[in-house]
Each structure stands twice: as structure tokens, then as C-alpha cells.
PDB file of N, CA and C in Angstrom:
ATOM      1  N   UNK A   1       5.966  -4.441 -14.877  1.00  0.00           N
ATOM      2  CA  UNK A   1       4.968  -3.749 -15.634  1.00  0.00           C
ATOM      3  C   UNK A   1       5.612  -3.291 -16.942  1.00  0.00           C
ATOM      4  N   UNK A   2       4.913  -3.526 -18.038  1.00  0.00           N
ATOM      5  CA  UNK A   2       5.442  -3.235 -19.356  1.00  0.00           C
ATOM      6  C   UNK A   2       4.922  -1.891 -19.861  1.00  0.00           C
ATOM      7  N   UNK A   3       5.798  -1.111 -20.469  1.00  0.00           N
ATOM      8  CA  UNK A   3       5.425   0.164 -21.069  1.00  0.00           C
ATOM      9  C   UNK A   3       4.685  -0.094 -22.374  1.00  0.00           C
ATOM     10  N   UNK A   4       3.575   0.608 -22.586  1.00  0.00           N
ATOM     11  CA  UNK A   4       2.803   0.492 -23.818  1.00  0.00           C
ATOM     12  C   UNK A   4       2.514   1.902 -24.327  1.00  0.00           C
ATOM     13  N   UNK A   5       2.732   2.137 -25.617  1.00  0.00           N
ATOM     14  CA  UNK A   5       2.439   3.437 -26.210  1.00  0.00           C
ATOM     15  C   UNK A   5       0.927   3.577 -26.366  1.00  0.00           C
ATOM     16  N   UNK A   6       0.364   4.601 -25.761  1.00  0.00           N
ATOM     17  CA  UNK A   6      -1.086   4.806 -25.781  1.00  0.00           C
ATOM     18  C   UNK A   6      -1.626   4.954 -27.200  1.00  0.00           C
ATOM     19  N   UNK A   7      -0.853   5.546 -28.093  1.00  0.00           N
ATOM     20  CA  UNK A   7      -1.293   5.730 -29.479  1.00  0.00           C
ATOM     21  C   UNK A   7      -1.520   4.395 -30.185  1.00  0.00           C
ATOM     22  N   UNK A   8      -0.891   3.353 -29.688  1.00  0.00           N
ATOM     23  CA  UNK A   8      -1.026   2.033 -30.301  1.00  0.00           C
ATOM     24  C   UNK A   8      -2.232   1.255 -29.767  1.00  0.00           C
ATOM     25  N   UNK A   9      -2.752   1.624 -28.608  1.00  0.00           N
ATOM     26  CA  UNK A   9      -3.812   0.819 -27.996  1.00  0.00           C
ATOM     27  C   UNK A   9      -5.124   1.559 -27.726  1.00  0.00           C
ATOM     28  N   UNK A  10      -5.101   2.886 -27.722  1.00  0.00           N
ATOM     29  CA  UNK A  10      -6.317   3.643 -27.414  1.00  0.00           C
ATOM     30  C   UNK A  10      -6.939   4.222 -28.678  1.00  0.00           C
ATOM     31  N   UNK A  11      -8.265   4.349 -28.692  1.00  0.00           N
ATOM     32  CA  UNK A  11      -8.919   5.008 -29.819  1.00  0.00           C
ATOM     33  C   UNK A  11      -8.489   6.480 -29.887  1.00  0.00           C
ATOM     34  N   UNK A  12      -8.460   7.042 -31.083  1.00  0.00           N
ATOM     35  CA  UNK A  12      -7.974   8.406 -31.299  1.00  0.00           C
ATOM     36  C   UNK A  12      -8.699   9.427 -30.421  1.00  0.00           C
ATOM     37  N   UNK A  13     -10.031   9.326 -30.322  1.00  0.00           N
ATOM     38  CA  UNK A  13     -10.784  10.309 -29.528  1.00  0.00           C
ATOM     39  C   UNK A  13     -10.417  10.251 -28.041  1.00  0.00           C
ATOM     40  N   UNK A  14     -10.156   9.060 -27.539  1.00  0.00           N
ATOM     41  CA  UNK A  14      -9.776   8.904 -26.141  1.00  0.00           C
ATOM     42  C   UNK A  14      -8.361   9.432 -25.907  1.00  0.00           C
ATOM     43  N   UNK A  15      -7.470   9.138 -26.827  1.00  0.00           N
ATOM     44  CA  UNK A  15      -6.090   9.620 -26.733  1.00  0.00           C
ATOM     45  C   UNK A  15      -6.066  11.148 -26.728  1.00  0.00           C
ATOM     46  N   UNK A  16      -6.852  11.758 -27.590  1.00  0.00           N
ATOM     47  CA  UNK A  16      -6.922  13.222 -27.667  1.00  0.00           C
ATOM     48  C   UNK A  16      -7.415  13.803 -26.349  1.00  0.00           C
ATOM     49  N   UNK A  17      -8.412  13.178 -25.755  1.00  0.00           N
ATOM     50  CA  UNK A  17      -8.958  13.653 -24.477  1.00  0.00           C
ATOM     51  C   UNK A  17      -7.922  13.535 -23.362  1.00  0.00           C
ATOM     52  N   UNK A  18      -7.209  12.439 -23.317  1.00  0.00           N
ATOM     53  CA  UNK A  18      -6.174  12.241 -22.291  1.00  0.00           C
ATOM     54  C   UNK A  18      -5.052  13.252 -22.470  1.00  0.00           C
ATOM     55  N   UNK A  19      -4.684  13.542 -23.718  1.00  0.00           N
ATOM     56  CA  UNK A  19      -3.608  14.495 -23.987  1.00  0.00           C
ATOM     57  C   UNK A  19      -3.945  15.901 -23.494  1.00  0.00           C
ATOM     58  N   UNK A  20      -5.216  16.227 -23.387  1.00  0.00           N
ATOM     59  CA  UNK A  20      -5.614  17.534 -22.851  1.00  0.00           C
ATOM     60  C   UNK A  20      -5.204  17.673 -21.383  1.00  0.00           C
ATOM     61  N   UNK A  21      -5.118  16.551 -20.695  1.00  0.00           N
ATOM     62  CA  UNK A  21      -4.828  16.576 -19.258  1.00  0.00           C
ATOM     63  C   UNK A  21      -3.368  16.295 -18.931  1.00  0.00           C
ATOM     64  N   UNK A  22      -2.751  15.360 -19.630  1.00  0.00           N
ATOM     65  CA  UNK A  22      -1.382  14.958 -19.269  1.00  0.00           C
ATOM     66  C   UNK A  22      -0.529  14.647 -20.492  1.00  0.00           C
ATOM     67  N   UNK A  23      -0.445  15.533 -21.399  1.00  0.00           N
ATOM     68  CA  UNK A  23       0.315  15.328 -22.622  1.00  0.00           C
ATOM     69  C   UNK A  23       1.804  15.102 -22.335  1.00  0.00           C
ATOM     70  N   UNK A  24       2.337  14.035 -22.918  1.00  0.00           N
ATOM     71  CA  UNK A  24       3.768  13.766 -22.820  1.00  0.00           C
ATOM     72  C   UNK A  24       4.242  13.159 -21.516  1.00  0.00           C
ATOM     73  N   UNK A  25       3.351  12.788 -20.631  1.00  0.00           N
ATOM     74  CA  UNK A  25       3.744  12.207 -19.338  1.00  0.00           C
ATOM     75  C   UNK A  25       3.411  10.724 -19.311  1.00  0.00           C
ATOM     76  N   UNK A  26       3.977  10.044 -18.353  1.00  0.00           N
ATOM     77  CA  UNK A  26       3.690   8.624 -18.153  1.00  0.00           C
ATOM     78  C   UNK A  26       2.520   8.518 -17.177  1.00  0.00           C
ATOM     79  N   UNK A  27       1.581   7.638 -17.495  1.00  0.00           N
ATOM     80  CA  UNK A  27       0.412   7.458 -16.634  1.00  0.00           C
ATOM     81  C   UNK A  27       0.244   5.968 -16.327  1.00  0.00           C
ATOM     82  N   UNK A  28      -0.134   5.669 -15.111  1.00  0.00           N
ATOM     83  CA  UNK A  28      -0.410   4.289 -14.701  1.00  0.00           C
ATOM     84  C   UNK A  28      -1.918   4.090 -14.725  1.00  0.00           C
ATOM     85  N   UNK A  29      -2.358   3.037 -15.376  1.00  0.00           N
ATOM     86  CA  UNK A  29      -3.778   2.696 -15.406  1.00  0.00           C
ATOM     87  C   UNK A  29      -3.938   1.357 -14.696  1.00  0.00           C
ATOM     88  N   UNK A  30      -4.585   1.354 -13.527  1.00  0.00           N
ATOM     89  CA  UNK A  30      -4.723   0.114 -12.763  1.00  0.00           C
ATOM     90  C   UNK A  30      -5.633  -0.890 -13.470  1.00  0.00           C
ATOM     91  N   UNK A  31      -5.464  -2.146 -13.154  1.00  0.00           N
ATOM     92  CA  UNK A  31      -6.294  -3.188 -13.745  1.00  0.00           C
ATOM     93  C   UNK A  31      -7.711  -3.103 -13.190  1.00  0.00           C
ATOM     94  N   UNK A  32      -8.623  -3.799 -13.823  1.00  0.00           N
ATOM     95  CA  UNK A  32     -10.025  -3.743 -13.426  1.00  0.00           C
ATOM     96  C   UNK A  32     -10.333  -4.527 -12.162  1.00  0.00           C
ATOM     97  N   UNK A  33      -9.522  -5.523 -11.830  1.00  0.00           N
ATOM     98  CA  UNK A  33      -9.864  -6.343 -10.667  1.00  0.00           C
ATOM     99  C   UNK A  33      -9.951  -5.475  -9.419  1.00  0.00           C
ATOM    100  N   UNK A  34     -10.839  -5.825  -8.553  1.00  0.00           N
ATOM    101  CA  UNK A  34     -11.108  -5.026  -7.361  1.00  0.00           C
ATOM    102  C   UNK A  34     -10.359  -5.530  -6.134  1.00  0.00           C
ATOM    103  N   UNK A  35      -9.285  -6.256  -6.342  1.00  0.00           N
ATOM    104  CA  UNK A  35      -8.518  -6.776  -5.208  1.00  0.00           C
ATOM    105  C   UNK A  35      -7.742  -5.648  -4.549  1.00  0.00           C
ATOM    106  N   UNK A  36      -7.688  -5.708  -3.261  1.00  0.00           N
ATOM    107  CA  UNK A  36      -6.880  -4.768  -2.510  1.00  0.00           C
ATOM    108  C   UNK A  36      -5.515  -5.397  -2.295  1.00  0.00           C
ATOM    109  N   UNK A  37      -4.504  -4.553  -2.061  1.00  0.00           N
ATOM    110  CA  UNK A  37      -3.148  -5.079  -1.937  1.00  0.00           C
ATOM    111  C   UNK A  37      -3.092  -6.140  -0.844  1.00  0.00           C
ATOM    112  N   UNK A  38      -2.304  -7.158  -1.102  1.00  0.00           N
ATOM    113  CA  UNK A  38      -2.026  -8.182  -0.109  1.00  0.00           C
ATOM    114  C   UNK A  38      -3.085  -9.245   0.073  1.00  0.00           C
ATOM    115  N   UNK A  39      -4.206  -9.147  -0.605  1.00  0.00           N
ATOM    116  CA  UNK A  39      -5.254 -10.146  -0.419  1.00  0.00           C
ATOM    117  C   UNK A  39      -4.871 -11.486  -1.039  1.00  0.00           C
ATOM    118  N   UNK A  40      -4.260 -11.458  -2.203  1.00  0.00           N
ATOM    119  CA  UNK A  40      -3.884 -12.705  -2.871  1.00  0.00           C
ATOM    120  C   UNK A  40      -2.718 -13.396  -2.171  1.00  0.00           C
ATOM    121  N   UNK A  41      -1.740 -12.608  -1.734  1.00  0.00           N
ATOM    122  CA  UNK A  41      -0.544 -13.185  -1.131  1.00  0.00           C
ATOM    123  C   UNK A  41      -0.708 -13.504   0.351  1.00  0.00           C
ATOM    124  N   UNK A  42      -1.712 -12.912   0.976  1.00  0.00           N
ATOM    125  CA  UNK A  42      -1.920 -13.136   2.407  1.00  0.00           C
ATOM    126  C   UNK A  42      -1.206 -12.127   3.282  1.00  0.00           C
ATOM    127  N   UNK A  43      -0.441 -11.204   2.675  1.00  0.00           N
ATOM    128  CA  UNK A  43       0.309 -10.254   3.487  1.00  0.00           C
ATOM    129  C   UNK A  43      -0.610  -9.275   4.220  1.00  0.00           C
ATOM    130  N   UNK A  44      -1.756  -8.984   3.653  1.00  0.00           N
ATOM    131  CA  UNK A  44      -2.701  -8.085   4.307  1.00  0.00           C
ATOM    132  C   UNK A  44      -3.121  -8.648   5.662  1.00  0.00           C
ATOM    133  N   UNK A  45      -3.497  -9.921   5.700  1.00  0.00           N
ATOM    134  CA  UNK A  45      -3.926 -10.525   6.966  1.00  0.00           C
ATOM    135  C   UNK A  45      -2.740 -10.701   7.913  1.00  0.00           C
ATOM    136  N   UNK A  46      -1.551 -10.961   7.360  1.00  0.00           N
ATOM    137  CA  UNK A  46      -0.354 -11.090   8.199  1.00  0.00           C
ATOM    138  C   UNK A  46      -0.114  -9.792   8.971  1.00  0.00           C
ATOM    139  N   UNK A  47      -0.109  -8.650   8.255  1.00  0.00           N
ATOM    140  CA  UNK A  47       0.151  -7.370   8.910  1.00  0.00           C
ATOM    141  C   UNK A  47      -0.972  -6.962   9.853  1.00  0.00           C
ATOM    142  N   UNK A  48      -2.197  -7.305   9.509  1.00  0.00           N
ATOM    143  CA  UNK A  48      -3.322  -7.008  10.394  1.00  0.00           C
ATOM    144  C   UNK A  48      -3.156  -7.755  11.719  1.00  0.00           C
ATOM    145  N   UNK A  49      -2.803  -9.041  11.644  1.00  0.00           N
ATOM    146  CA  UNK A  49      -2.595  -9.845  12.860  1.00  0.00           C
ATOM    147  C   UNK A  49      -1.376  -9.368  13.637  1.00  0.00           C
ATOM    148  N   UNK A  50      -0.293  -9.032  12.914  1.00  0.00           N
ATOM    149  CA  UNK A  50       0.920  -8.543  13.579  1.00  0.00           C
ATOM    150  C   UNK A  50       0.620  -7.258  14.338  1.00  0.00           C
ATOM    151  N   UNK A  51      -0.083  -6.336  13.699  1.00  0.00           N
ATOM    152  CA  UNK A  51      -0.382  -5.054  14.340  1.00  0.00           C
ATOM    153  C   UNK A  51      -1.312  -5.219  15.532  1.00  0.00           C
ATOM    154  N   UNK A  52      -2.230  -6.160  15.426  1.00  0.00           N
ATOM    155  CA  UNK A  52      -3.124  -6.458  16.544  1.00  0.00           C
ATOM    156  C   UNK A  52      -2.316  -6.982  17.732  1.00  0.00           C
ATOM    157  N   UNK A  53      -1.355  -7.850  17.437  1.00  0.00           N
ATOM    158  CA  UNK A  53      -0.491  -8.400  18.476  1.00  0.00           C
ATOM    159  C   UNK A  53       0.361  -7.306  19.121  1.00  0.00           C
ATOM    160  N   UNK A  54       0.855  -6.384  18.315  1.00  0.00           N
ATOM    161  CA  UNK A  54       1.662  -5.271  18.828  1.00  0.00           C
ATOM    162  C   UNK A  54       0.821  -4.415  19.778  1.00  0.00           C
ATOM    163  N   UNK A  55      -0.396  -4.098  19.380  1.00  0.00           N
ATOM    164  CA  UNK A  55      -1.282  -3.297  20.241  1.00  0.00           C
ATOM    165  C   UNK A  55      -1.582  -4.014  21.558  1.00  0.00           C
ATOM    166  N   UNK A  56      -1.775  -5.324  21.473  1.00  0.00           N
ATOM    167  CA  UNK A  56      -2.059  -6.131  22.672  1.00  0.00           C
ATOM    168  C   UNK A  56      -0.873  -6.100  23.635  1.00  0.00           C
ATOM    169  N   UNK A  57       0.333  -6.258  23.098  1.00  0.00           N
ATOM    170  CA  UNK A  57       1.522  -6.224  23.955  1.00  0.00           C
ATOM    171  C   UNK A  57       1.645  -4.874  24.666  1.00  0.00           C
ATOM    172  N   UNK A  58       1.349  -3.809  23.937  1.00  0.00           N
ATOM    173  CA  UNK A  58       1.429  -2.478  24.536  1.00  0.00           C
ATOM    174  C   UNK A  58       0.396  -2.340  25.659  1.00  0.00           C
ATOM    175  N   UNK A  59      -0.811  -2.844  25.421  1.00  0.00           N
ATOM    176  CA  UNK A  59      -1.855  -2.798  26.450  1.00  0.00           C
ATOM    177  C   UNK A  59      -1.485  -3.643  27.659  1.00  0.00           C
ATOM    178  N   UNK A  60      -0.692  -4.697  27.423  1.00  0.00           N
ATOM    179  CA  UNK A  60      -0.256  -5.576  28.512  1.00  0.00           C
ATOM    180  C   UNK A  60       0.934  -5.014  29.281  1.00  0.00           C
ATOM    181  N   UNK A  61       1.419  -3.821  28.891  1.00  0.00           N
ATOM    182  CA  UNK A  61       2.470  -3.173  29.668  1.00  0.00           C
ATOM    183  C   UNK A  61       3.852  -3.162  29.046  1.00  0.00           C
ATOM    184  N   UNK A  62       4.027  -3.754  27.886  1.00  0.00           N
ATOM    185  CA  UNK A  62       5.328  -3.689  27.227  1.00  0.00           C
ATOM    186  C   UNK A  62       5.579  -2.257  26.768  1.00  0.00           C
ATOM    187  N   UNK A  63       6.834  -1.834  26.782  1.00  0.00           N
ATOM    188  CA  UNK A  63       7.159  -0.493  26.291  1.00  0.00           C
ATOM    189  C   UNK A  63       7.298  -0.537  24.771  1.00  0.00           C
ATOM    190  N   UNK A  64       7.213   0.627  24.175  1.00  0.00           N
ATOM    191  CA  UNK A  64       7.370   0.710  22.724  1.00  0.00           C
ATOM    192  C   UNK A  64       8.763   0.218  22.330  1.00  0.00           C
ATOM    193  N   UNK A  65       9.748   0.550  23.123  1.00  0.00           N
ATOM    194  CA  UNK A  65      11.122   0.116  22.828  1.00  0.00           C
ATOM    195  C   UNK A  65      11.238  -1.411  22.868  1.00  0.00           C
ATOM    196  N   UNK A  66      10.646  -2.043  23.861  1.00  0.00           N
ATOM    197  CA  UNK A  66      10.685  -3.511  23.952  1.00  0.00           C
ATOM    198  C   UNK A  66      10.007  -4.152  22.731  1.00  0.00           C
ATOM    199  N   UNK A  67       8.861  -3.618  22.361  1.00  0.00           N
ATOM    200  CA  UNK A  67       8.123  -4.163  21.211  1.00  0.00           C
ATOM    201  C   UNK A  67       8.926  -3.948  19.928  1.00  0.00           C
ATOM    202  N   UNK A  68       9.533  -2.794  19.812  1.00  0.00           N
ATOM    203  CA  UNK A  68      10.315  -2.488  18.613  1.00  0.00           C
ATOM    204  C   UNK A  68      11.488  -3.450  18.451  1.00  0.00           C
ATOM    205  N   UNK A  69      12.126  -3.807  19.546  1.00  0.00           N
ATOM    206  CA  UNK A  69      13.234  -4.772  19.499  1.00  0.00           C
ATOM    207  C   UNK A  69      12.712  -6.163  19.137  1.00  0.00           C
ATOM    208  N   UNK A  70      11.608  -6.560  19.743  1.00  0.00           N
ATOM    209  CA  UNK A  70      11.041  -7.887  19.486  1.00  0.00           C
ATOM    210  C   UNK A  70      10.631  -8.069  18.022  1.00  0.00           C
ATOM    211  N   UNK A  71      10.033  -7.049  17.437  1.00  0.00           N
ATOM    212  CA  UNK A  71       9.533  -7.166  16.069  1.00  0.00           C
ATOM    213  C   UNK A  71      10.530  -6.675  15.016  1.00  0.00           C
ATOM    214  N   UNK A  72      11.617  -6.077  15.465  1.00  0.00           N
ATOM    215  CA  UNK A  72      12.617  -5.580  14.525  1.00  0.00           C
ATOM    216  C   UNK A  72      12.117  -4.389  13.721  1.00  0.00           C
ATOM    217  N   UNK A  73      11.294  -3.573  14.360  1.00  0.00           N
ATOM    218  CA  UNK A  73      10.734  -2.392  13.695  1.00  0.00           C
ATOM    219  C   UNK A  73      11.198  -1.135  14.426  1.00  0.00           C
ATOM    220  N   UNK A  74      11.205  -0.021  13.700  1.00  0.00           N
ATOM    221  CA  UNK A  74      11.614   1.246  14.294  1.00  0.00           C
ATOM    222  C   UNK A  74      10.628   1.691  15.373  1.00  0.00           C
ATOM    223  N   UNK A  75      11.130   2.416  16.337  1.00  0.00           N
ATOM    224  CA  UNK A  75      10.322   2.943  17.429  1.00  0.00           C
ATOM    225  C   UNK A  75       9.109   3.695  16.877  1.00  0.00           C
ATOM    226  N   UNK A  76       9.338   4.568  15.897  1.00  0.00           N
ATOM    227  CA  UNK A  76       8.254   5.360  15.312  1.00  0.00           C
ATOM    228  C   UNK A  76       7.213   4.491  14.610  1.00  0.00           C
ATOM    229  N   UNK A  77       7.647   3.396  14.005  1.00  0.00           N
ATOM    230  CA  UNK A  77       6.713   2.489  13.334  1.00  0.00           C
ATOM    231  C   UNK A  77       5.784   1.854  14.361  1.00  0.00           C
ATOM    232  N   UNK A  78       6.341   1.398  15.464  1.00  0.00           N
ATOM    233  CA  UNK A  78       5.532   0.797  16.534  1.00  0.00           C
ATOM    234  C   UNK A  78       4.563   1.836  17.090  1.00  0.00           C
ATOM    235  N   UNK A  79       5.066   3.040  17.295  1.00  0.00           N
ATOM    236  CA  UNK A  79       4.238   4.121  17.816  1.00  0.00           C
ATOM    237  C   UNK A  79       3.039   4.379  16.897  1.00  0.00           C
ATOM    238  N   UNK A  80       3.281   4.423  15.584  1.00  0.00           N
ATOM    239  CA  UNK A  80       2.201   4.665  14.641  1.00  0.00           C
ATOM    240  C   UNK A  80       1.176   3.531  14.675  1.00  0.00           C
ATOM    241  N   UNK A  81       1.647   2.299  14.791  1.00  0.00           N
ATOM    242  CA  UNK A  81       0.744   1.144  14.853  1.00  0.00           C
ATOM    243  C   UNK A  81      -0.125   1.225  16.101  1.00  0.00           C
ATOM    244  N   UNK A  82       0.488   1.552  17.218  1.00  0.00           N
ATOM    245  CA  UNK A  82      -0.225   1.600  18.498  1.00  0.00           C
ATOM    246  C   UNK A  82      -1.301   2.692  18.509  1.00  0.00           C
ATOM    247  N   UNK A  83      -0.963   3.858  17.988  1.00  0.00           N
ATOM    248  CA  UNK A  83      -1.884   4.993  18.078  1.00  0.00           C
ATOM    249  C   UNK A  83      -2.816   5.135  16.898  1.00  0.00           C
ATOM    250  N   UNK A  84      -2.687   4.252  15.893  1.00  0.00           N
ATOM    251  CA  UNK A  84      -3.602   4.296  14.756  1.00  0.00           C
ATOM    252  C   UNK A  84      -4.948   3.727  15.197  1.00  0.00           C
ATOM    253  N   UNK A  85      -6.010   4.406  14.807  1.00  0.00           N
ATOM    254  CA  UNK A  85      -7.354   3.967  15.203  1.00  0.00           C
ATOM    255  C   UNK A  85      -7.840   2.822  14.362  1.00  0.00           C
TER     256      UNK A  85
END
């Protein structure tokens, strides 16, 4: 992500309004596209399927420790996946 000086790209009235709220700070302005993270790369569906598989293994009787070793994830991470609604 490239740094851009707001004074060079924003109209004066808009810059003045923004300065009332966050003068002298760095602000991130997201792009207009409505994509959610991971949709383009496929990682969103990968993690959704992985988490579904983790929940299934737990329901089938695997312990959190066994699942954590199999997936290479921390015990707490597996626990959060299992108990997330």
C-alpha cells in the first residue's frame, strides 16, 4: 500500500473536514469494491471447510489435543473453532 498525501488528492473542503477529526494522523481508506477477505484467493472457503472438518472430528469423538496435533494449530485455536457458533 502506497502512502499518499491527502492535500494532494482531496478537495480543500473535504481535507478541512477530515482534519477536524484526525489532524496529523495516518488514515486508511478502503477501496470501493465490496469483496470480503479471502474471496478472490479462495482462502475464505479453505478456512470455512477446514473449520467444518475440525468441528466434525470433535463431534466424532476426537479430543481437542488430537485435532490440534493433526492440524498443527494451538489447543486454544481449535477450542475457539469448535465452540464458535
